[in-house]
């Protein structure tokens, strides 16, 4: 997978971010939740196989109580999708839990 460079909020040095592939028996679920101070929220996620191939992706909009709540809903939505697809060996990655 590629490397993405972002500016750090704490310094002027860029951060290198990597996506690591799961082993051949697993699927990786990457999720993210988003929250606005007026309780508007959304989430999204992507399921990938051991080659990095996209299996499914999702987005949802809803109301949440906090950014943490939105992140939890993203994990829940992703796990529900995995269950619907019959996936049992799943690695979950999120950026704020």
Protein backbone atom coordinates (compact mmCIF):
# COMPACT_ATOMS: atom_id res chain seq x y z
CA UNK A 1 0.00 0.00 0.00
CA UNK A 2 1.08 3.59 -0.41
CA UNK A 3 2.48 6.03 2.08
CA UNK A 4 0.55 9.17 2.86
CA UNK A 5 2.28 12.20 4.40
CA UNK A 6 0.35 14.53 6.67
CA UNK A 7 1.37 17.63 8.60
CA UNK A 8 1.53 17.03 12.33
CA UNK A 9 -0.39 19.44 14.56
CA UNK A 10 2.46 19.39 17.09
CA UNK A 11 5.40 20.09 14.81
CA UNK A 12 6.21 20.94 11.23
CA UNK A 13 7.54 17.45 10.53
CA UNK A 14 5.35 15.29 8.27
CA UNK A 15 4.00 12.00 9.58
CA UNK A 16 4.28 8.86 7.47
CA UNK A 17 1.20 6.64 7.68
CA UNK A 18 1.21 3.01 6.58
CA UNK A 19 -1.56 0.50 6.05
CA UNK A 20 -0.45 -2.99 7.01
CA UNK A 21 -2.03 -5.96 5.27
CA UNK A 22 -3.65 -8.64 7.44
CA UNK A 23 -2.40 -12.21 7.26
CA UNK A 24 -4.05 -14.51 4.72
CA UNK A 25 -6.67 -15.85 7.16
CA UNK A 26 -8.01 -12.43 8.16
CA UNK A 27 -9.93 -9.48 6.80
CA UNK A 28 -9.09 -5.96 7.93
CA UNK A 29 -11.82 -3.50 8.85
CA UNK A 30 -10.74 0.15 8.93
CA UNK A 31 -13.35 2.57 10.31
CA UNK A 32 -13.68 6.23 11.16
CA UNK A 33 -16.39 8.23 12.87
CA UNK A 34 -17.05 11.93 12.45
CA UNK A 35 -18.93 14.24 14.83
CA UNK A 36 -20.21 17.81 14.70
CA UNK A 37 -21.02 19.73 17.88
CA UNK A 38 -24.72 19.79 16.97
CA UNK A 39 -24.97 15.98 17.25
CA UNK A 40 -24.66 15.46 13.50
CA UNK A 41 -22.42 12.49 12.86
CA UNK A 42 -21.38 9.95 10.31
CA UNK A 43 -19.10 7.01 9.86
CA UNK A 44 -17.42 5.04 7.18
CA UNK A 45 -15.39 1.93 6.81
CA UNK A 46 -13.69 -0.40 4.41
CA UNK A 47 -13.06 -4.15 4.40
CA UNK A 48 -9.91 -5.40 2.69
CA UNK A 49 -8.35 -8.79 2.16
CA UNK A 50 -4.73 -9.86 2.64
CA UNK A 51 -3.77 -8.42 -0.77
CA UNK A 52 -5.29 -5.03 0.05
CA UNK A 53 -8.25 -5.66 -2.24
CA UNK A 54 -11.46 -3.88 -1.28
CA UNK A 55 -14.28 -6.28 -0.38
CA UNK A 56 -16.90 -3.77 0.80
CA UNK A 57 -17.13 -0.18 1.97
CA UNK A 58 -19.85 1.72 3.81
CA UNK A 59 -20.92 5.15 5.03
CA UNK A 60 -23.77 6.22 7.31
CA UNK A 61 -25.17 9.48 8.66
CA UNK A 62 -26.90 9.72 12.05
CA UNK A 63 -26.98 11.58 15.34
CA UNK A 64 -24.41 10.86 18.03
CA UNK A 65 -23.63 12.14 21.52
CA UNK A 66 -19.89 12.68 21.03
CA UNK A 67 -16.93 11.94 18.77
CA UNK A 68 -16.24 8.79 20.80
CA UNK A 69 -19.86 7.68 20.34
CA UNK A 70 -19.53 8.20 16.59
CA UNK A 71 -16.35 6.11 16.54
CA UNK A 72 -18.10 3.32 18.48
CA UNK A 73 -20.99 3.39 16.00
CA UNK A 74 -18.48 3.05 13.15
CA UNK A 75 -17.01 -0.08 14.77
CA UNK A 76 -20.52 -1.44 15.38
CA UNK A 77 -21.59 -0.78 11.78
CA UNK A 78 -18.43 -2.43 10.47
CA UNK A 79 -18.86 -5.50 12.67
CA UNK A 80 -22.50 -5.79 11.64
CA UNK A 81 -21.39 -5.77 7.98
CA UNK A 82 -18.78 -8.45 8.74
CA UNK A 83 -21.46 -10.57 10.41
CA UNK A 84 -23.83 -10.11 7.46
CA UNK A 85 -21.04 -11.31 5.14
CA UNK A 86 -20.21 -14.30 7.36
CA UNK A 87 -16.72 -13.00 8.15
CA UNK A 88 -15.33 -14.26 11.44
CA UNK A 89 -11.61 -13.45 11.51
CA UNK A 90 -11.50 -9.67 11.40
CA UNK A 91 -8.86 -7.19 12.50
CA UNK A 92 -10.36 -3.80 13.40
CA UNK A 93 -8.44 -0.54 13.05
CA UNK A 94 -9.69 2.89 14.06
CA UNK A 95 -7.86 6.15 14.54
CA UNK A 96 -9.19 7.35 17.88
CA UNK A 97 -9.88 4.52 20.30
